[in-house]
């Protein structure tokens, strides 16, 4: 997470950590590895060959495409890095820590359709309250993580990403407190 996100009411990185305390690590950008073991872990993961970065770059692939590319099923699973901050902050963290090295992954078309359905007045439960004319820029870190876990689990009976929907409600309440009610996106002429 970007260091400027630490004291905000809308702190989705901490909500993700709370949802998965046994498997998730919080890394604060701008604080060196000598002060946080989680930074060392992330650096080791980035150097390995089983790391994915959830970030929409031009070369990002869906999880399904990455799995099809792999010759055999991964026994140890994946290390997944999710960047938390505003889009400007996220781009800085991306270029500083993970731009080169790990495979970039993006949400599947099905996940993007869920976003578009929610944005067009469908069921918004579990979806962030922010609005933006570009639909993928509406997605919060928590929501992107939730949808990506859905992509990874691919119709599994175990649905850990559903737990994040309740955390999204916490994030939405915090956003309303800090930012006020959702703003409608402005139409560009």
C-alpha atoms as a PDB file:
ATOM      1  CA  UNK A   1       0.000   0.000   0.000  1.00  0.00           C
ATOM      2  CA  UNK A   2       1.117   3.547  -0.595  1.00  0.00           C
ATOM      3  CA  UNK A   3       2.328   5.176   2.612  1.00  0.00           C
ATOM      4  CA  UNK A   4      -0.219   8.009   2.229  1.00  0.00           C
ATOM      5  CA  UNK A   5      -3.045   5.455   2.556  1.00  0.00           C
ATOM      6  CA  UNK A   6      -2.098   4.471   6.122  1.00  0.00           C
ATOM      7  CA  UNK A   7      -4.352   6.869   8.057  1.00  0.00           C
ATOM      8  CA  UNK A   8      -7.314   7.045   5.659  1.00  0.00           C
ATOM      9  CA  UNK A   9     -10.797   5.822   6.578  1.00  0.00           C
ATOM     10  CA  UNK A  10     -10.923   4.051   3.216  1.00  0.00           C
ATOM     11  CA  UNK A  11      -8.094   1.590   3.714  1.00  0.00           C
ATOM     12  CA  UNK A  12      -8.799  -1.484   1.650  1.00  0.00           C
ATOM     13  CA  UNK A  13      -5.325  -2.987   2.100  1.00  0.00           C
ATOM     14  CA  UNK A  14      -5.970  -3.389   5.821  1.00  0.00           C
ATOM     15  CA  UNK A  15      -9.398  -4.887   5.118  1.00  0.00           C
ATOM     16  CA  UNK A  16      -7.820  -7.478   2.809  1.00  0.00           C
ATOM     17  CA  UNK A  17      -5.269  -8.258   5.528  1.00  0.00           C
ATOM     18  CA  UNK A  18      -8.092  -8.645   8.057  1.00  0.00           C
ATOM     19  CA  UNK A  19      -9.951 -11.018   5.714  1.00  0.00           C
ATOM     20  CA  UNK A  20      -6.907 -13.253   5.121  1.00  0.00           C
ATOM     21  CA  UNK A  21      -4.554 -12.796   8.110  1.00  0.00           C
ATOM     22  CA  UNK A  22      -2.841 -16.172   7.650  1.00  0.00           C
ATOM     23  CA  UNK A  23      -1.937 -15.762   3.974  1.00  0.00           C
ATOM     24  CA  UNK A  24      -1.739 -12.013   3.412  1.00  0.00           C
ATOM     25  CA  UNK A  25       1.101  -9.609   4.158  1.00  0.00           C
ATOM     26  CA  UNK A  26       0.909  -5.830   4.234  1.00  0.00           C
ATOM     27  CA  UNK A  27       3.820  -4.002   2.603  1.00  0.00           C
ATOM     28  CA  UNK A  28       4.019  -0.229   2.966  1.00  0.00           C
ATOM     29  CA  UNK A  29       5.726   1.470   0.034  1.00  0.00           C
ATOM     30  CA  UNK A  30       8.480   3.874   0.981  1.00  0.00           C
ATOM     31  CA  UNK A  31       9.505   1.953   4.094  1.00  0.00           C
ATOM     32  CA  UNK A  32      12.602  -0.148   3.501  1.00  0.00           C
ATOM     33  CA  UNK A  33      13.013  -3.890   3.902  1.00  0.00           C
ATOM     34  CA  UNK A  34      15.170  -3.311   6.984  1.00  0.00           C
ATOM     35  CA  UNK A  35      12.053  -2.055   8.803  1.00  0.00           C
ATOM     36  CA  UNK A  36       9.432  -4.509   7.542  1.00  0.00           C
ATOM     37  CA  UNK A  37       9.838  -8.234   6.962  1.00  0.00           C
ATOM     38  CA  UNK A  38       6.888  -8.142   4.570  1.00  0.00           C
ATOM     39  CA  UNK A  39       8.940  -6.006   2.147  1.00  0.00           C
ATOM     40  CA  UNK A  40      11.672  -8.667   2.163  1.00  0.00           C
ATOM     41  CA  UNK A  41       9.042 -11.348   1.457  1.00  0.00           C
ATOM     42  CA  UNK A  42       7.642  -9.323  -1.435  1.00  0.00           C
ATOM     43  CA  UNK A  43      11.094  -8.751  -2.922  1.00  0.00           C
ATOM     44  CA  UNK A  44      11.791 -12.499  -2.760  1.00  0.00           C
ATOM     45  CA  UNK A  45       8.438 -13.239  -4.404  1.00  0.00           C
ATOM     46  CA  UNK A  46       9.127 -10.741  -7.195  1.00  0.00           C
ATOM     47  CA  UNK A  47      12.436 -12.468  -7.910  1.00  0.00           C
ATOM     48  CA  UNK A  48      10.768 -15.915  -8.037  1.00  0.00           C
ATOM     49  CA  UNK A  49       8.811 -17.451 -10.891  1.00  0.00           C
ATOM     50  CA  UNK A  50       5.452 -17.874  -9.147  1.00  0.00           C
ATOM     51  CA  UNK A  51       4.536 -14.226  -8.624  1.00  0.00           C
ATOM     52  CA  UNK A  52       1.603 -12.390 -10.192  1.00  0.00           C
ATOM     53  CA  UNK A  53       0.916  -8.661 -10.008  1.00  0.00           C
ATOM     54  CA  UNK A  54      -2.726  -7.617 -10.296  1.00  0.00           C
ATOM     55  CA  UNK A  55      -2.262  -4.480 -12.372  1.00  0.00           C
ATOM     56  CA  UNK A  56      -3.754  -3.500 -15.767  1.00  0.00           C
ATOM     57  CA  UNK A  57      -0.710  -3.161 -18.016  1.00  0.00           C
ATOM     58  CA  UNK A  58      -0.706  -3.675 -21.790  1.00  0.00           C
ATOM     59  CA  UNK A  59       0.903  -7.106 -21.373  1.00  0.00           C
ATOM     60  CA  UNK A  60      -1.342  -8.264 -18.504  1.00  0.00           C
ATOM     61  CA  UNK A  61      -3.181 -11.544 -19.070  1.00  0.00           C
ATOM     62  CA  UNK A  62      -6.150 -13.112 -17.360  1.00  0.00           C
ATOM     63  CA  UNK A  63      -5.467 -15.784 -14.758  1.00  0.00           C
ATOM     64  CA  UNK A  64      -7.037 -18.380 -17.045  1.00  0.00           C
ATOM     65  CA  UNK A  65      -4.626 -17.460 -19.865  1.00  0.00           C
ATOM     66  CA  UNK A  66      -1.663 -17.681 -17.488  1.00  0.00           C
ATOM     67  CA  UNK A  67      -2.744 -21.102 -16.259  1.00  0.00           C
ATOM     68  CA  UNK A  68      -3.148 -22.343 -19.835  1.00  0.00           C
ATOM     69  CA  UNK A  69       0.356 -21.087 -20.598  1.00  0.00           C
ATOM     70  CA  UNK A  70       1.848 -23.059 -17.704  1.00  0.00           C
ATOM     71  CA  UNK A  71       3.038 -26.511 -18.740  1.00  0.00           C
ATOM     72  CA  UNK A  72       1.997 -28.208 -15.514  1.00  0.00           C
ATOM     73  CA  UNK A  73      -0.182 -27.287 -12.577  1.00  0.00           C
ATOM     74  CA  UNK A  74       1.560 -25.325  -9.828  1.00  0.00           C
ATOM     75  CA  UNK A  75       1.857 -27.338  -6.652  1.00  0.00           C
ATOM     76  CA  UNK A  76       2.876 -24.366  -4.506  1.00  0.00           C
ATOM     77  CA  UNK A  77       0.307 -21.926  -5.861  1.00  0.00           C
ATOM     78  CA  UNK A  78       0.976 -18.287  -6.625  1.00  0.00           C
ATOM     79  CA  UNK A  79       2.219 -15.252  -4.776  1.00  0.00           C
ATOM     80  CA  UNK A  80      -0.094 -12.384  -5.726  1.00  0.00           C
ATOM     81  CA  UNK A  81       0.803  -8.725  -5.314  1.00  0.00           C
ATOM     82  CA  UNK A  82      -2.104  -6.278  -5.194  1.00  0.00           C
ATOM     83  CA  UNK A  83      -1.204  -2.582  -5.190  1.00  0.00           C
ATOM     84  CA  UNK A  84      -3.301  -0.267  -3.007  1.00  0.00           C
ATOM     85  CA  UNK A  85      -3.547   3.498  -3.462  1.00  0.00           C
ATOM     86  CA  UNK A  86      -5.035   6.030  -5.804  1.00  0.00           C
ATOM     87  CA  UNK A  87      -4.298   5.311  -9.473  1.00  0.00           C
ATOM     88  CA  UNK A  88      -1.427   7.834  -9.410  1.00  0.00           C
ATOM     89  CA  UNK A  89       0.006   6.271  -6.249  1.00  0.00           C
ATOM     90  CA  UNK A  90      -0.462   2.750  -7.621  1.00  0.00           C
ATOM     91  CA  UNK A  91       1.439   3.619 -10.808  1.00  0.00           C
ATOM     92  CA  UNK A  92       4.342   4.926  -8.706  1.00  0.00           C
ATOM     93  CA  UNK A  93       4.414   1.801  -6.538  1.00  0.00           C
ATOM     94  CA  UNK A  94       4.189  -0.367  -9.635  1.00  0.00           C
ATOM     95  CA  UNK A  95       7.132   1.322 -11.331  1.00  0.00           C
ATOM     96  CA  UNK A  96       9.239   1.320  -8.170  1.00  0.00           C
ATOM     97  CA  UNK A  97       8.677  -2.244  -6.975  1.00  0.00           C
ATOM     98  CA  UNK A  98       7.146  -4.591  -9.535  1.00  0.00           C
ATOM     99  CA  UNK A  99       7.199  -3.162 -13.054  1.00  0.00           C
ATOM    100  CA  UNK A 100       9.889  -5.553 -14.236  1.00  0.00           C
ATOM    101  CA  UNK A 101       9.876  -9.176 -13.233  1.00  0.00           C
ATOM    102  CA  UNK A 102       6.591 -10.733 -12.212  1.00  0.00           C
ATOM    103  CA  UNK A 103       3.800 -11.665 -14.596  1.00  0.00           C
ATOM    104  CA  UNK A 104       1.035  -9.074 -14.751  1.00  0.00           C
ATOM    105  CA  UNK A 105      -2.516 -10.299 -14.411  1.00  0.00           C
ATOM    106  CA  UNK A 106      -5.820  -8.570 -15.086  1.00  0.00           C
ATOM    107  CA  UNK A 107      -9.446  -9.342 -14.353  1.00  0.00           C
ATOM    108  CA  UNK A 108     -11.288 -11.711 -16.663  1.00  0.00           C
ATOM    109  CA  UNK A 109     -13.997 -10.528 -19.034  1.00  0.00           C
ATOM    110  CA  UNK A 110     -16.553 -12.109 -16.683  1.00  0.00           C
ATOM    111  CA  UNK A 111     -15.219 -10.040 -13.771  1.00  0.00           C
ATOM    112  CA  UNK A 112     -15.337  -6.846 -15.846  1.00  0.00           C
ATOM    113  CA  UNK A 113     -18.937  -7.696 -16.813  1.00  0.00           C
ATOM    114  CA  UNK A 114     -19.770  -7.933 -13.105  1.00  0.00           C
ATOM    115  CA  UNK A 115     -18.306  -4.446 -12.666  1.00  0.00           C
ATOM    116  CA  UNK A 116     -20.263  -3.077 -15.615  1.00  0.00           C
ATOM    117  CA  UNK A 117     -23.512  -4.665 -14.378  1.00  0.00           C
ATOM    118  CA  UNK A 118     -23.027  -3.170 -10.919  1.00  0.00           C
ATOM    119  CA  UNK A 119     -22.120   0.230 -12.357  1.00  0.00           C
ATOM    120  CA  UNK A 120     -25.212   0.303 -14.566  1.00  0.00           C
ATOM    121  CA  UNK A 121     -27.568   0.018 -11.614  1.00  0.00           C
ATOM    122  CA  UNK A 122     -27.374  -3.692 -10.920  1.00  0.00           C
ATOM    123  CA  UNK A 123     -26.638  -5.185  -7.527  1.00  0.00           C
ATOM    124  CA  UNK A 124     -23.917  -2.978  -6.040  1.00  0.00           C
ATOM    125  CA  UNK A 125     -23.517  -5.054  -2.870  1.00  0.00           C
ATOM    126  CA  UNK A 126     -19.848  -5.752  -2.389  1.00  0.00           C
ATOM    127  CA  UNK A 127     -18.858  -3.085  -4.910  1.00  0.00           C
ATOM    128  CA  UNK A 128     -17.017   0.132  -4.151  1.00  0.00           C
ATOM    129  CA  UNK A 129     -19.049   3.336  -4.221  1.00  0.00           C
ATOM    130  CA  UNK A 130     -16.742   5.450  -6.371  1.00  0.00           C
ATOM    131  CA  UNK A 131     -17.822   6.387  -9.882  1.00  0.00           C
ATOM    132  CA  UNK A 132     -15.672   6.993 -12.972  1.00  0.00           C
ATOM    133  CA  UNK A 133     -16.444   7.159 -16.707  1.00  0.00           C
ATOM    134  CA  UNK A 134     -13.864   4.406 -17.323  1.00  0.00           C
ATOM    135  CA  UNK A 135     -15.382   1.360 -15.593  1.00  0.00           C
ATOM    136  CA  UNK A 136     -12.154  -0.357 -14.574  1.00  0.00           C
ATOM    137  CA  UNK A 137     -11.082   2.825 -12.799  1.00  0.00           C
ATOM    138  CA  UNK A 138     -14.118   2.520 -10.522  1.00  0.00           C
ATOM    139  CA  UNK A 139     -12.799  -0.634  -8.995  1.00  0.00           C
ATOM    140  CA  UNK A 140     -11.337  -0.450  -5.518  1.00  0.00           C
ATOM    141  CA  UNK A 141      -8.347  -2.528  -4.490  1.00  0.00           C
ATOM    142  CA  UNK A 142     -10.640  -4.666  -2.357  1.00  0.00           C
ATOM    143  CA  UNK A 143     -13.117  -5.221  -5.182  1.00  0.00           C
ATOM    144  CA  UNK A 144     -10.367  -6.039  -7.685  1.00  0.00           C
ATOM    145  CA  UNK A 145      -8.923  -8.552  -5.228  1.00  0.00           C
ATOM    146  CA  UNK A 146     -12.344 -10.093  -4.635  1.00  0.00           C
ATOM    147  CA  UNK A 147     -13.033 -10.462  -8.347  1.00  0.00           C
ATOM    148  CA  UNK A 148      -9.526 -11.777  -9.025  1.00  0.00           C
ATOM    149  CA  UNK A 149      -9.910 -14.428  -6.316  1.00  0.00           C
ATOM    150  CA  UNK A 150     -13.104 -15.423  -8.084  1.00  0.00           C
ATOM    151  CA  UNK A 151     -11.108 -15.782 -11.309  1.00  0.00           C
ATOM    152  CA  UNK A 152      -8.479 -17.880  -9.527  1.00  0.00           C
ATOM    153  CA  UNK A 153     -10.996 -20.171  -7.828  1.00  0.00           C
ATOM    154  CA  UNK A 154     -13.003 -20.603 -11.076  1.00  0.00           C
ATOM    155  CA  UNK A 155     -16.374 -21.832  -9.847  1.00  0.00           C
ATOM    156  CA  UNK A 156     -14.922 -23.640  -6.864  1.00  0.00           C
ATOM    157  CA  UNK A 157     -17.253 -24.719  -4.087  1.00  0.00           C
ATOM    158  CA  UNK A 158     -14.948 -22.861  -1.683  1.00  0.00           C
ATOM    159  CA  UNK A 159     -15.617 -19.180  -2.243  1.00  0.00           C
ATOM    160  CA  UNK A 160     -13.269 -17.185   0.000  1.00  0.00           C
ATOM    161  CA  UNK A 161     -13.797 -14.083  -2.101  1.00  0.00           C
ATOM    162  CA  UNK A 162     -17.384 -13.926  -0.844  1.00  0.00           C
ATOM    163  CA  UNK A 163     -15.985 -13.028   2.583  1.00  0.00           C
ATOM    164  CA  UNK A 164     -14.575  -9.866   1.034  1.00  0.00           C
ATOM    165  CA  UNK A 165     -18.086  -8.640   0.171  1.00  0.00           C
ATOM    166  CA  UNK A 166     -18.749  -7.992   3.870  1.00  0.00           C
ATOM    167  CA  UNK A 167     -15.424  -6.184   4.150  1.00  0.00           C
ATOM    168  CA  UNK A 168     -16.412  -4.111   1.114  1.00  0.00           C
ATOM    169  CA  UNK A 169     -19.428  -2.889   3.107  1.00  0.00           C
ATOM    170  CA  UNK A 170     -17.019  -1.719   5.819  1.00  0.00           C
ATOM    171  CA  UNK A 171     -14.934   0.057   3.171  1.00  0.00           C
ATOM    172  CA  UNK A 172     -18.028   1.653   1.645  1.00  0.00           C
ATOM    173  CA  UNK A 173     -19.163   2.940   5.047  1.00  0.00           C
ATOM    174  CA  UNK A 174     -15.712   4.413   5.653  1.00  0.00           C
ATOM    175  CA  UNK A 175     -15.723   6.005   2.183  1.00  0.00           C
ATOM    176  CA  UNK A 176     -19.119   7.587   2.803  1.00  0.00           C
ATOM    177  CA  UNK A 177     -17.849   8.967   6.109  1.00  0.00           C
ATOM    178  CA  UNK A 178     -14.683  10.379   4.554  1.00  0.00           C
ATOM    179  CA  UNK A 179     -15.851  11.331   1.049  1.00  0.00           C
ATOM    180  CA  UNK A 180     -19.604  11.790   1.331  1.00  0.00           C
ATOM    181  CA  UNK A 181     -22.195  10.050  -0.874  1.00  0.00           C
ATOM    182  CA  UNK A 182     -21.194   8.520  -4.233  1.00  0.00           C
ATOM    183  CA  UNK A 183     -20.691  11.031  -7.028  1.00  0.00           C
ATOM    184  CA  UNK A 184     -22.188  10.370 -10.401  1.00  0.00           C
ATOM    185  CA  UNK A 185     -19.642  10.288 -13.207  1.00  0.00           C
ATOM    186  CA  UNK A 186     -19.602  13.367 -15.371  1.00  0.00           C
ATOM    187  CA  UNK A 187     -20.333  12.927 -19.047  1.00  0.00           C
ATOM    188  CA  UNK A 188     -17.600  14.185 -21.322  1.00  0.00           C
ATOM    189  CA  UNK A 189     -18.705  16.103 -24.400  1.00  0.00           C
END
